[in-house]
Amino acid sequence: MLRGSSTEVITSDLADVVCQLSRMAITNELPSVFRVPVQKFFGGWVSQMASSHISSCIRTGLLFALLLACSWASYAADFSLEDMQGKTHRLSDYRGKWVLVNFWATWCPPCLNEIPELISLHNAHQDKDLSVIGISMDSGSSKIVADFAQAHGISYPVVMGNRKITAQIGAVEVLPVSYLYNPKGEQVSYQAGEVTRASVEAYIKKK
Protein backbone atom coordinates (compact mmCIF):
# COMPACT_ATOMS: atom_id res chain seq x y z
CA MET A 1 0.00 0.00 0.00
CA LEU A 2 1.32 3.47 -0.93
CA ARG A 3 2.06 5.69 2.03
CA GLY A 4 0.32 9.09 2.29
CA SER A 5 -1.68 10.80 -0.38
CA SER A 6 0.58 13.46 -1.83
CA THR A 7 1.80 13.25 -5.41
CA GLU A 8 5.35 13.77 -4.16
CA VAL A 9 5.31 10.67 -1.96
CA ILE A 10 3.65 8.51 -4.63
CA THR A 11 6.09 9.65 -7.32
CA SER A 12 9.08 9.14 -5.06
CA ASP A 13 8.02 5.64 -4.01
CA LEU A 14 7.24 4.66 -7.60
CA ALA A 15 10.58 6.00 -8.79
CA ASP A 16 12.44 3.98 -6.17
CA VAL A 17 10.63 0.76 -7.07
CA VAL A 18 10.94 1.15 -10.84
CA CYS A 19 14.56 2.28 -10.78
CA GLN A 20 15.41 -0.71 -8.59
CA LEU A 21 13.71 -3.07 -11.03
CA SER A 22 15.51 -1.52 -13.99
CA ARG A 23 18.86 -1.91 -12.19
CA MET A 24 18.05 -5.56 -11.51
CA ALA A 25 17.27 -6.11 -15.20
CA ILE A 26 20.57 -4.58 -16.22
CA THR A 27 22.60 -6.65 -13.74
CA ASN A 28 20.76 -9.93 -14.42
CA GLU A 29 19.22 -10.03 -10.93
CA LEU A 30 15.69 -9.83 -12.27
CA PRO A 31 13.98 -13.19 -13.01
CA SER A 32 14.12 -14.21 -16.66
CA VAL A 33 10.37 -13.75 -17.07
CA PHE A 34 11.07 -9.98 -17.05
CA ARG A 35 14.80 -9.86 -17.84
CA VAL A 36 14.62 -11.70 -21.15
CA PRO A 37 12.13 -9.33 -22.82
CA VAL A 38 14.04 -6.30 -21.48
CA GLN A 39 17.39 -7.47 -22.77
CA LYS A 40 16.01 -8.89 -25.99
CA PHE A 41 13.93 -5.97 -27.21
CA PHE A 42 15.52 -2.97 -25.55
CA GLY A 43 19.17 -3.96 -25.12
CA GLY A 44 21.54 -1.23 -24.04
CA TRP A 45 18.84 1.45 -24.16
CA VAL A 46 17.76 0.47 -20.64
CA SER A 47 21.29 0.96 -19.29
CA GLN A 48 21.67 4.32 -20.99
CA MET A 49 18.34 5.54 -19.70
CA ALA A 50 18.94 4.34 -16.13
CA SER A 51 22.25 6.23 -15.94
CA SER A 52 21.20 9.35 -17.84
CA HIS A 53 20.58 12.74 -16.27
CA ILE A 54 17.14 13.34 -17.74
CA SER A 55 14.54 14.48 -15.26
CA SER A 56 13.49 11.85 -12.71
CA CYS A 57 9.82 12.30 -13.64
CA ILE A 58 10.46 11.46 -17.31
CA ARG A 59 12.76 8.57 -16.39
CA THR A 60 10.21 7.21 -13.94
CA GLY A 61 7.42 7.36 -16.51
CA LEU A 62 9.47 5.69 -19.22
CA LEU A 63 10.75 2.93 -16.94
CA PHE A 64 7.28 2.29 -15.59
CA ALA A 65 5.96 1.98 -19.17
CA LEU A 66 8.83 -0.41 -19.93
CA LEU A 67 7.99 -2.53 -16.91
CA LEU A 68 4.34 -2.72 -17.94
CA ALA A 69 5.31 -3.67 -21.49
CA CYS A 70 7.57 -6.47 -20.27
CA SER A 71 4.91 -7.73 -17.88
CA TRP A 72 2.31 -7.77 -20.66
CA ALA A 73 4.67 -9.57 -23.04
CA SER A 74 5.35 -12.30 -20.48
CA TYR A 75 1.88 -12.87 -19.09
CA ALA A 76 -0.74 -11.77 -21.59
CA ALA A 77 0.49 -13.58 -24.69
CA ASP A 78 -1.23 -16.64 -26.09
CA PHE A 79 -0.47 -18.55 -29.25
CA SER A 80 -2.38 -20.49 -31.85
CA LEU A 81 -0.31 -22.89 -33.96
CA GLU A 82 -1.43 -25.31 -36.65
CA ASP A 83 0.72 -28.41 -36.92
CA MET A 84 1.50 -30.42 -40.05
CA GLN A 85 -1.50 -32.68 -39.45
CA GLY A 86 -3.84 -29.69 -39.41
CA LYS A 87 -4.41 -29.70 -35.64
CA THR A 88 -4.50 -26.34 -33.85
CA HIS A 89 -2.54 -25.96 -30.64
CA ARG A 90 -3.45 -23.05 -28.36
CA LEU A 91 -1.50 -22.22 -25.25
CA SER A 92 -4.77 -21.94 -23.34
CA ASP A 93 -5.50 -25.59 -24.18
CA TYR A 94 -2.42 -26.63 -22.22
CA ARG A 95 -3.30 -24.94 -18.93
CA GLY A 96 -2.19 -27.17 -16.08
CA LYS A 97 0.83 -28.43 -18.05
CA TRP A 98 4.27 -27.13 -18.89
CA VAL A 99 4.83 -26.40 -22.58
CA LEU A 100 8.24 -26.31 -24.27
CA VAL A 101 8.18 -24.57 -27.65
CA ASN A 102 11.32 -25.40 -29.62
CA PHE A 103 12.45 -23.61 -32.80
CA TRP A 104 14.67 -25.75 -35.02
CA ALA A 105 15.55 -26.60 -38.63
CA THR A 106 16.52 -29.74 -40.53
CA TRP A 107 19.82 -28.15 -41.64
CA CYS A 108 20.89 -27.17 -38.10
CA PRO A 109 23.40 -29.65 -36.53
CA PRO A 110 22.76 -28.59 -32.88
CA CYS A 111 19.03 -29.02 -33.54
CA LEU A 112 19.63 -32.58 -34.70
CA ASN A 113 21.61 -33.31 -31.53
CA GLU A 114 18.73 -31.97 -29.47
CA ILE A 115 15.88 -33.87 -31.13
CA PRO A 116 16.39 -37.21 -29.29
CA GLU A 117 16.35 -35.32 -25.97
CA LEU A 118 13.08 -33.58 -26.90
CA ILE A 119 11.50 -36.85 -28.04
CA SER A 120 12.47 -38.49 -24.75
CA LEU A 121 11.18 -35.51 -22.74
CA HIS A 122 7.86 -35.40 -24.61
CA ASN A 123 7.26 -39.15 -24.46
CA ALA A 124 7.96 -39.27 -20.73
CA HIS A 125 5.71 -36.35 -19.80
CA GLN A 126 3.05 -35.79 -22.46
CA ASP A 127 0.37 -37.70 -20.55
CA LYS A 128 1.25 -36.05 -17.25
CA ASP A 129 2.70 -32.59 -16.93
CA LEU A 130 4.59 -31.38 -20.03
CA SER A 131 4.32 -31.27 -23.82
CA VAL A 132 6.80 -30.28 -26.50
CA ILE A 133 5.88 -28.38 -29.66
CA GLY A 134 8.49 -28.11 -32.41
CA ILE A 135 8.49 -25.20 -34.86
CA SER A 136 10.53 -25.80 -38.00
CA MET A 137 12.16 -22.68 -39.45
CA ASP A 138 12.94 -24.41 -42.76
CA SER A 139 12.08 -22.28 -45.76
CA GLY A 140 11.58 -25.21 -48.12
CA SER A 141 8.77 -27.65 -48.69
CA SER A 142 6.72 -28.80 -45.72
CA LYS A 143 6.93 -32.32 -47.17
CA ILE A 144 10.69 -32.31 -46.61
CA VAL A 145 10.12 -31.41 -42.96
CA ALA A 146 7.35 -34.01 -42.60
CA ASP A 147 9.55 -36.73 -44.09
CA PHE A 148 12.41 -35.68 -41.83
CA ALA A 149 10.18 -35.77 -38.75
CA GLN A 150 8.96 -39.25 -39.63
CA ALA A 151 12.45 -40.55 -40.37
CA HIS A 152 13.74 -39.28 -37.01
CA GLY A 153 10.77 -40.52 -35.02
CA ILE A 154 9.65 -37.08 -33.83
CA SER A 155 6.62 -37.80 -31.65
CA TYR A 156 5.68 -34.25 -30.70
CA PRO A 157 3.68 -31.86 -32.92
CA VAL A 158 5.66 -30.06 -35.62
CA VAL A 159 4.62 -26.65 -36.97
CA MET A 160 6.01 -24.83 -40.01
CA GLY A 161 7.33 -21.52 -38.71
CA ASN A 162 7.10 -18.03 -40.16
CA ARG A 163 7.20 -14.43 -38.94
CA LYS A 164 3.59 -14.51 -37.80
CA ILE A 165 4.35 -17.50 -35.59
CA THR A 166 7.58 -16.12 -34.12
CA ALA A 167 5.70 -12.91 -33.27
CA GLN A 168 3.41 -14.99 -31.04
CA ILE A 169 6.26 -16.67 -29.16
CA GLY A 170 9.45 -14.61 -29.21
CA ALA A 171 12.56 -13.68 -31.13
CA VAL A 172 14.50 -16.38 -32.99
CA GLU A 173 18.04 -15.06 -33.34
CA VAL A 174 19.77 -18.46 -33.31
CA LEU A 175 18.78 -22.09 -33.71
CA PRO A 176 17.82 -24.01 -31.76
CA VAL A 177 15.97 -21.80 -29.30
CA SER A 178 13.34 -22.85 -26.76
CA TYR A 179 10.66 -21.04 -24.77
CA LEU A 180 9.16 -22.65 -21.66
CA TYR A 181 5.64 -21.90 -20.38
CA ASN A 182 4.52 -22.89 -16.90
CA PRO A 183 1.14 -24.52 -16.13
CA LYS A 184 -0.44 -21.05 -15.74
CA GLY A 185 0.49 -20.16 -19.30
CA GLU A 186 3.29 -17.78 -18.30
CA GLN A 187 6.50 -17.71 -20.33
CA VAL A 188 9.10 -18.32 -17.63
CA SER A 189 12.30 -19.38 -19.37
CA TYR A 190 14.21 -18.88 -22.61
CA GLN A 191 17.15 -20.94 -23.85
CA ALA A 192 19.27 -20.12 -26.89
CA GLY A 193 21.08 -23.31 -27.83
CA GLU A 194 20.46 -26.95 -27.05
CA VAL A 195 18.36 -28.13 -24.12
CA THR A 196 18.36 -31.60 -22.60
CA ARG A 197 15.64 -33.66 -20.97
CA ALA A 198 17.57 -33.55 -17.71
CA SER A 199 17.93 -29.76 -17.71
CA VAL A 200 14.22 -29.19 -18.35
CA GLU A 201 13.17 -31.75 -15.74
CA ALA A 202 15.53 -30.19 -13.20
CA TYR A 203 14.08 -26.74 -13.87
CA ILE A 204 10.42 -27.73 -13.49
CA LYS A 205 11.20 -29.84 -10.42
CA LYS A 206 12.35 -26.68 -8.62
CA LYS A 207 9.13 -24.82 -9.41
C-alpha atoms as a PDB file:
ATOM      1  CA  MET A   1       0.000   0.000   0.000  1.00  0.00           C
ATOM      2  CA  LEU A   2       1.319   3.473  -0.929  1.00  0.00           C
ATOM      3  CA  ARG A   3       2.056   5.694   2.033  1.00  0.00           C
ATOM      4  CA  GLY A   4       0.321   9.085   2.294  1.00  0.00           C
ATOM      5  CA  SER A   5      -1.681  10.796  -0.382  1.00  0.00           C
ATOM      6  CA  SER A   6       0.578  13.457  -1.834  1.00  0.00           C
ATOM      7  CA  THR A   7       1.797  13.246  -5.407  1.00  0.00           C
ATOM      8  CA  GLU A   8       5.347  13.768  -4.161  1.00  0.00           C
ATOM      9  CA  VAL A   9       5.308  10.670  -1.965  1.00  0.00           C
ATOM     10  CA  ILE A  10       3.654   8.512  -4.626  1.00  0.00           C
ATOM     11  CA  THR A  11       6.085   9.654  -7.322  1.00  0.00           C
ATOM     12  CA  SER A  12       9.081   9.140  -5.056  1.00  0.00           C
ATOM     13  CA  ASP A  13       8.022   5.636  -4.015  1.00  0.00           C
ATOM     14  CA  LEU A  14       7.236   4.660  -7.603  1.00  0.00           C
ATOM     15  CA  ALA A  15      10.582   6.005  -8.793  1.00  0.00           C
ATOM     16  CA  ASP A  16      12.436   3.979  -6.167  1.00  0.00           C
ATOM     17  CA  VAL A  17      10.635   0.763  -7.074  1.00  0.00           C
ATOM     18  CA  VAL A  18      10.937   1.147 -10.842  1.00  0.00           C
ATOM     19  CA  CYS A  19      14.558   2.277 -10.780  1.00  0.00           C
ATOM     20  CA  GLN A  20      15.412  -0.711  -8.587  1.00  0.00           C
ATOM     21  CA  LEU A  21      13.707  -3.067 -11.027  1.00  0.00           C
ATOM     22  CA  SER A  22      15.515  -1.521 -13.989  1.00  0.00           C
ATOM     23  CA  ARG A  23      18.858  -1.913 -12.188  1.00  0.00           C
ATOM     24  CA  MET A  24      18.053  -5.557 -11.507  1.00  0.00           C
ATOM     25  CA  ALA A  25      17.269  -6.110 -15.199  1.00  0.00           C
ATOM     26  CA  ILE A  26      20.573  -4.576 -16.221  1.00  0.00           C
ATOM     27  CA  THR A  27      22.602  -6.653 -13.736  1.00  0.00           C
ATOM     28  CA  ASN A  28      20.757  -9.931 -14.417  1.00  0.00           C
ATOM     29  CA  GLU A  29      19.222 -10.031 -10.934  1.00  0.00           C
ATOM     30  CA  LEU A  30      15.689  -9.825 -12.274  1.00  0.00           C
ATOM     31  CA  PRO A  31      13.980 -13.189 -13.014  1.00  0.00           C
ATOM     32  CA  SER A  32      14.122 -14.210 -16.662  1.00  0.00           C
ATOM     33  CA  VAL A  33      10.374 -13.750 -17.066  1.00  0.00           C
ATOM     34  CA  PHE A  34      11.073  -9.977 -17.052  1.00  0.00           C
ATOM     35  CA  ARG A  35      14.797  -9.856 -17.843  1.00  0.00           C
ATOM     36  CA  VAL A  36      14.621 -11.698 -21.154  1.00  0.00           C
ATOM     37  CA  PRO A  37      12.128  -9.325 -22.823  1.00  0.00           C
ATOM     38  CA  VAL A  38      14.035  -6.299 -21.481  1.00  0.00           C
ATOM     39  CA  GLN A  39      17.395  -7.475 -22.767  1.00  0.00           C
ATOM     40  CA  LYS A  40      16.006  -8.890 -25.988  1.00  0.00           C
ATOM     41  CA  PHE A  41      13.934  -5.966 -27.214  1.00  0.00           C
ATOM     42  CA  PHE A  42      15.523  -2.972 -25.547  1.00  0.00           C
ATOM     43  CA  GLY A  43      19.168  -3.958 -25.117  1.00  0.00           C
ATOM     44  CA  GLY A  44      21.545  -1.232 -24.037  1.00  0.00           C
ATOM     45  CA  TRP A  45      18.844   1.447 -24.162  1.00  0.00           C
ATOM     46  CA  VAL A  46      17.764   0.470 -20.643  1.00  0.00           C
ATOM     47  CA  SER A  47      21.294   0.962 -19.295  1.00  0.00           C
ATOM     48  CA  GLN A  48      21.668   4.317 -20.986  1.00  0.00           C
ATOM     49  CA  MET A  49      18.340   5.535 -19.700  1.00  0.00           C
ATOM     50  CA  ALA A  50      18.945   4.338 -16.134  1.00  0.00           C
ATOM     51  CA  SER A  51      22.249   6.229 -15.943  1.00  0.00           C
ATOM     52  CA  SER A  52      21.204   9.351 -17.839  1.00  0.00           C
ATOM     53  CA  HIS A  53      20.580  12.741 -16.270  1.00  0.00           C
ATOM     54  CA  ILE A  54      17.140  13.341 -17.741  1.00  0.00           C
ATOM     55  CA  SER A  55      14.538  14.477 -15.257  1.00  0.00           C
ATOM     56  CA  SER A  56      13.486  11.845 -12.713  1.00  0.00           C
ATOM     57  CA  CYS A  57       9.821  12.302 -13.643  1.00  0.00           C
ATOM     58  CA  ILE A  58      10.457  11.459 -17.306  1.00  0.00           C
ATOM     59  CA  ARG A  59      12.755   8.571 -16.390  1.00  0.00           C
ATOM     60  CA  THR A  60      10.211   7.207 -13.942  1.00  0.00           C
ATOM     61  CA  GLY A  61       7.424   7.362 -16.506  1.00  0.00           C
ATOM     62  CA  LEU A  62       9.474   5.687 -19.215  1.00  0.00           C
ATOM     63  CA  LEU A  63      10.755   2.934 -16.941  1.00  0.00           C
ATOM     64  CA  PHE A  64       7.280   2.289 -15.594  1.00  0.00           C
ATOM     65  CA  ALA A  65       5.958   1.977 -19.166  1.00  0.00           C
ATOM     66  CA  LEU A  66       8.832  -0.413 -19.933  1.00  0.00           C
ATOM     67  CA  LEU A  67       7.992  -2.532 -16.906  1.00  0.00           C
ATOM     68  CA  LEU A  68       4.344  -2.723 -17.943  1.00  0.00           C
ATOM     69  CA  ALA A  69       5.307  -3.674 -21.490  1.00  0.00           C
ATOM     70  CA  CYS A  70       7.567  -6.469 -20.271  1.00  0.00           C
ATOM     71  CA  SER A  71       4.915  -7.727 -17.878  1.00  0.00           C
ATOM     72  CA  TRP A  72       2.314  -7.774 -20.658  1.00  0.00           C
ATOM     73  CA  ALA A  73       4.667  -9.573 -23.043  1.00  0.00           C
ATOM     74  CA  SER A  74       5.351 -12.296 -20.484  1.00  0.00           C
ATOM     75  CA  TYR A  75       1.883 -12.875 -19.090  1.00  0.00           C
ATOM     76  CA  ALA A  76      -0.741 -11.766 -21.592  1.00  0.00           C
ATOM     77  CA  ALA A  77       0.489 -13.577 -24.688  1.00  0.00           C
ATOM     78  CA  ASP A  78      -1.228 -16.645 -26.094  1.00  0.00           C
ATOM     79  CA  PHE A  79      -0.466 -18.546 -29.247  1.00  0.00           C
ATOM     80  CA  SER A  80      -2.380 -20.491 -31.849  1.00  0.00           C
ATOM     81  CA  LEU A  81      -0.312 -22.893 -33.955  1.00  0.00           C
ATOM     82  CA  GLU A  82      -1.431 -25.309 -36.653  1.00  0.00           C
ATOM     83  CA  ASP A  83       0.724 -28.411 -36.920  1.00  0.00           C
ATOM     84  CA  MET A  84       1.500 -30.416 -40.046  1.00  0.00           C
ATOM     85  CA  GLN A  85      -1.498 -32.676 -39.451  1.00  0.00           C
ATOM     86  CA  GLY A  86      -3.839 -29.695 -39.409  1.00  0.00           C
ATOM     87  CA  LYS A  87      -4.414 -29.702 -35.641  1.00  0.00           C
ATOM     88  CA  THR A  88      -4.504 -26.335 -33.852  1.00  0.00           C
ATOM     89  CA  HIS A  89      -2.545 -25.956 -30.638  1.00  0.00           C
ATOM     90  CA  ARG A  90      -3.453 -23.051 -28.360  1.00  0.00           C
ATOM     91  CA  LEU A  91      -1.503 -22.220 -25.247  1.00  0.00           C
ATOM     92  CA  SER A  92      -4.773 -21.939 -23.339  1.00  0.00           C
ATOM     93  CA  ASP A  93      -5.504 -25.589 -24.179  1.00  0.00           C
ATOM     94  CA  TYR A  94      -2.416 -26.634 -22.215  1.00  0.00           C
ATOM     95  CA  ARG A  95      -3.296 -24.943 -18.926  1.00  0.00           C
ATOM     96  CA  GLY A  96      -2.191 -27.167 -16.077  1.00  0.00           C
ATOM     97  CA  LYS A  97       0.831 -28.434 -18.046  1.00  0.00           C
ATOM     98  CA  TRP A  98       4.267 -27.133 -18.887  1.00  0.00           C
ATOM     99  CA  VAL A  99       4.834 -26.405 -22.583  1.00  0.00           C
ATOM    100  CA  LEU A 100       8.242 -26.310 -24.267  1.00  0.00           C
ATOM    101  CA  VAL A 101       8.183 -24.569 -27.650  1.00  0.00           C
ATOM    102  CA  ASN A 102      11.317 -25.399 -29.621  1.00  0.00           C
ATOM    103  CA  PHE A 103      12.445 -23.612 -32.805  1.00  0.00           C
ATOM    104  CA  TRP A 104      14.669 -25.749 -35.017  1.00  0.00           C
ATOM    105  CA  ALA A 105      15.549 -26.605 -38.629  1.00  0.00           C
ATOM    106  CA  THR A 106      16.519 -29.742 -40.535  1.00  0.00           C
ATOM    107  CA  TRP A 107      19.818 -28.147 -41.636  1.00  0.00           C
ATOM    108  CA  CYS A 108      20.888 -27.169 -38.100  1.00  0.00           C
ATOM    109  CA  PRO A 109      23.405 -29.648 -36.527  1.00  0.00           C
ATOM    110  CA  PRO A 110      22.758 -28.589 -32.880  1.00  0.00           C
ATOM    111  CA  CYS A 111      19.033 -29.020 -33.538  1.00  0.00           C
ATOM    112  CA  LEU A 112      19.633 -32.581 -34.703  1.00  0.00           C
ATOM    113  CA  ASN A 113      21.606 -33.306 -31.534  1.00  0.00           C
ATOM    114  CA  GLU A 114      18.735 -31.970 -29.467  1.00  0.00           C
ATOM    115  CA  ILE A 115      15.880 -33.870 -31.132  1.00  0.00           C
ATOM    116  CA  PRO A 116      16.393 -37.206 -29.287  1.00  0.00           C
ATOM    117  CA  GLU A 117      16.348 -35.315 -25.975  1.00  0.00           C
ATOM    118  CA  LEU A 118      13.084 -33.583 -26.899  1.00  0.00           C
ATOM    119  CA  ILE A 119      11.504 -36.853 -28.040  1.00  0.00           C
ATOM    120  CA  SER A 120      12.468 -38.494 -24.751  1.00  0.00           C
ATOM    121  CA  LEU A 121      11.175 -35.514 -22.743  1.00  0.00           C
ATOM    122  CA  HIS A 122       7.861 -35.397 -24.606  1.00  0.00           C
ATOM    123  CA  ASN A 123       7.256 -39.145 -24.458  1.00  0.00           C
ATOM    124  CA  ALA A 124       7.957 -39.273 -20.727  1.00  0.00           C
ATOM    125  CA  HIS A 125       5.707 -36.351 -19.797  1.00  0.00           C
ATOM    126  CA  GLN A 126       3.049 -35.795 -22.461  1.00  0.00           C
ATOM    127  CA  ASP A 127       0.367 -37.702 -20.552  1.00  0.00           C
ATOM    128  CA  LYS A 128       1.245 -36.049 -17.252  1.00  0.00           C
ATOM    129  CA  ASP A 129       2.700 -32.588 -16.934  1.00  0.00           C
ATOM    130  CA  LEU A 130       4.592 -31.384 -20.035  1.00  0.00           C
ATOM    131  CA  SER A 131       4.318 -31.271 -23.821  1.00  0.00           C
ATOM    132  CA  VAL A 132       6.801 -30.276 -26.503  1.00  0.00           C
ATOM    133  CA  ILE A 133       5.876 -28.381 -29.664  1.00  0.00           C
ATOM    134  CA  GLY A 134       8.486 -28.110 -32.413  1.00  0.00           C
ATOM    135  CA  ILE A 135       8.490 -25.205 -34.863  1.00  0.00           C
ATOM    136  CA  SER A 136      10.534 -25.800 -38.002  1.00  0.00           C
ATOM    137  CA  MET A 137      12.156 -22.683 -39.451  1.00  0.00           C
ATOM    138  CA  ASP A 138      12.943 -24.411 -42.757  1.00  0.00           C
ATOM    139  CA  SER A 139      12.084 -22.282 -45.762  1.00  0.00           C
ATOM    140  CA  GLY A 140      11.582 -25.208 -48.121  1.00  0.00           C
ATOM    141  CA  SER A 141       8.767 -27.653 -48.690  1.00  0.00           C
ATOM    142  CA  SER A 142       6.724 -28.800 -45.722  1.00  0.00           C
ATOM    143  CA  LYS A 143       6.935 -32.323 -47.166  1.00  0.00           C
ATOM    144  CA  ILE A 144      10.689 -32.311 -46.609  1.00  0.00           C
ATOM    145  CA  VAL A 145      10.124 -31.415 -42.956  1.00  0.00           C
ATOM    146  CA  ALA A 146       7.349 -34.007 -42.596  1.00  0.00           C
ATOM    147  CA  ASP A 147       9.552 -36.728 -44.094  1.00  0.00           C
ATOM    148  CA  PHE A 148      12.414 -35.682 -41.835  1.00  0.00           C
ATOM    149  CA  ALA A 149      10.182 -35.772 -38.748  1.00  0.00           C
ATOM    150  CA  GLN A 150       8.957 -39.254 -39.633  1.00  0.00           C
ATOM    151  CA  ALA A 151      12.453 -40.546 -40.366  1.00  0.00           C
ATOM    152  CA  HIS A 152      13.737 -39.280 -37.014  1.00  0.00           C
ATOM    153  CA  GLY A 153      10.770 -40.522 -35.016  1.00  0.00           C
ATOM    154  CA  ILE A 154       9.652 -37.079 -33.831  1.00  0.00           C
ATOM    155  CA  SER A 155       6.619 -37.797 -31.654  1.00  0.00           C
ATOM    156  CA  TYR A 156       5.681 -34.245 -30.701  1.00  0.00           C
ATOM    157  CA  PRO A 157       3.680 -31.858 -32.919  1.00  0.00           C
ATOM    158  CA  VAL A 158       5.663 -30.056 -35.618  1.00  0.00           C
ATOM    159  CA  VAL A 159       4.621 -26.654 -36.969  1.00  0.00           C
ATOM    160  CA  MET A 160       6.014 -24.832 -40.006  1.00  0.00           C
ATOM    161  CA  GLY A 161       7.330 -21.523 -38.713  1.00  0.00           C
ATOM    162  CA  ASN A 162       7.101 -18.031 -40.159  1.00  0.00           C
ATOM    163  CA  ARG A 163       7.197 -14.428 -38.944  1.00  0.00           C
ATOM    164  CA  LYS A 164       3.586 -14.513 -37.798  1.00  0.00           C
ATOM    165  CA  ILE A 165       4.345 -17.500 -35.590  1.00  0.00           C
ATOM    166  CA  THR A 166       7.578 -16.118 -34.124  1.00  0.00           C
ATOM    167  CA  ALA A 167       5.699 -12.914 -33.272  1.00  0.00           C
ATOM    168  CA  GLN A 168       3.410 -14.987 -31.041  1.00  0.00           C
ATOM    169  CA  ILE A 169       6.259 -16.666 -29.163  1.00  0.00           C
ATOM    170  CA  GLY A 170       9.445 -14.608 -29.206  1.00  0.00           C
ATOM    171  CA  ALA A 171      12.563 -13.680 -31.130  1.00  0.00           C
ATOM    172  CA  VAL A 172      14.503 -16.376 -32.987  1.00  0.00           C
ATOM    173  CA  GLU A 173      18.037 -15.056 -33.345  1.00  0.00           C
ATOM    174  CA  VAL A 174      19.772 -18.459 -33.310  1.00  0.00           C
ATOM    175  CA  LEU A 175      18.778 -22.093 -33.705  1.00  0.00           C
ATOM    176  CA  PRO A 176      17.823 -24.014 -31.762  1.00  0.00           C
ATOM    177  CA  VAL A 177      15.970 -21.801 -29.299  1.00  0.00           C
ATOM    178  CA  SER A 178      13.344 -22.854 -26.756  1.00  0.00           C
ATOM    179  CA  TYR A 179      10.661 -21.044 -24.773  1.00  0.00           C
ATOM    180  CA  LEU A 180       9.155 -22.648 -21.665  1.00  0.00           C
ATOM    181  CA  TYR A 181       5.645 -21.899 -20.379  1.00  0.00           C
ATOM    182  CA  ASN A 182       4.519 -22.892 -16.903  1.00  0.00           C
ATOM    183  CA  PRO A 183       1.136 -24.521 -16.131  1.00  0.00           C
ATOM    184  CA  LYS A 184      -0.438 -21.054 -15.740  1.00  0.00           C
ATOM    185  CA  GLY A 185       0.491 -20.155 -19.303  1.00  0.00           C
ATOM    186  CA  GLU A 186       3.291 -17.776 -18.300  1.00  0.00           C
ATOM    187  CA  GLN A 187       6.499 -17.706 -20.326  1.00  0.00           C
ATOM    188  CA  VAL A 188       9.102 -18.317 -17.629  1.00  0.00           C
ATOM    189  CA  SER A 189      12.301 -19.384 -19.370  1.00  0.00           C
ATOM    190  CA  TYR A 190      14.213 -18.877 -22.607  1.00  0.00           C
ATOM    191  CA  GLN A 191      17.152 -20.937 -23.853  1.00  0.00           C
ATOM    192  CA  ALA A 192      19.270 -20.115 -26.892  1.00  0.00           C
ATOM    193  CA  GLY A 193      21.077 -23.309 -27.835  1.00  0.00           C
ATOM    194  CA  GLU A 194      20.461 -26.950 -27.046  1.00  0.00           C
ATOM    195  CA  VAL A 195      18.357 -28.128 -24.123  1.00  0.00           C
ATOM    196  CA  THR A 196      18.360 -31.603 -22.597  1.00  0.00           C
ATOM    197  CA  ARG A 197      15.640 -33.660 -20.974  1.00  0.00           C
ATOM    198  CA  ALA A 198      17.571 -33.554 -17.707  1.00  0.00           C
ATOM    199  CA  SER A 199      17.934 -29.761 -17.708  1.00  0.00           C
ATOM    200  CA  VAL A 200      14.222 -29.193 -18.348  1.00  0.00           C
ATOM    201  CA  GLU A 201      13.170 -31.749 -15.740  1.00  0.00           C
ATOM    202  CA  ALA A 202      15.532 -30.189 -13.196  1.00  0.00           C
ATOM    203  CA  TYR A 203      14.077 -26.741 -13.867  1.00  0.00           C
ATOM    204  CA  ILE A 204      10.422 -27.730 -13.494  1.00  0.00           C
ATOM    205  CA  LYS A 205      11.197 -29.839 -10.418  1.00  0.00           C
ATOM    206  CA  LYS A 206      12.353 -26.679  -8.623  1.00  0.00           C
ATOM    207  CA  LYS A 207       9.134 -24.816  -9.406  1.00  0.00           C
END
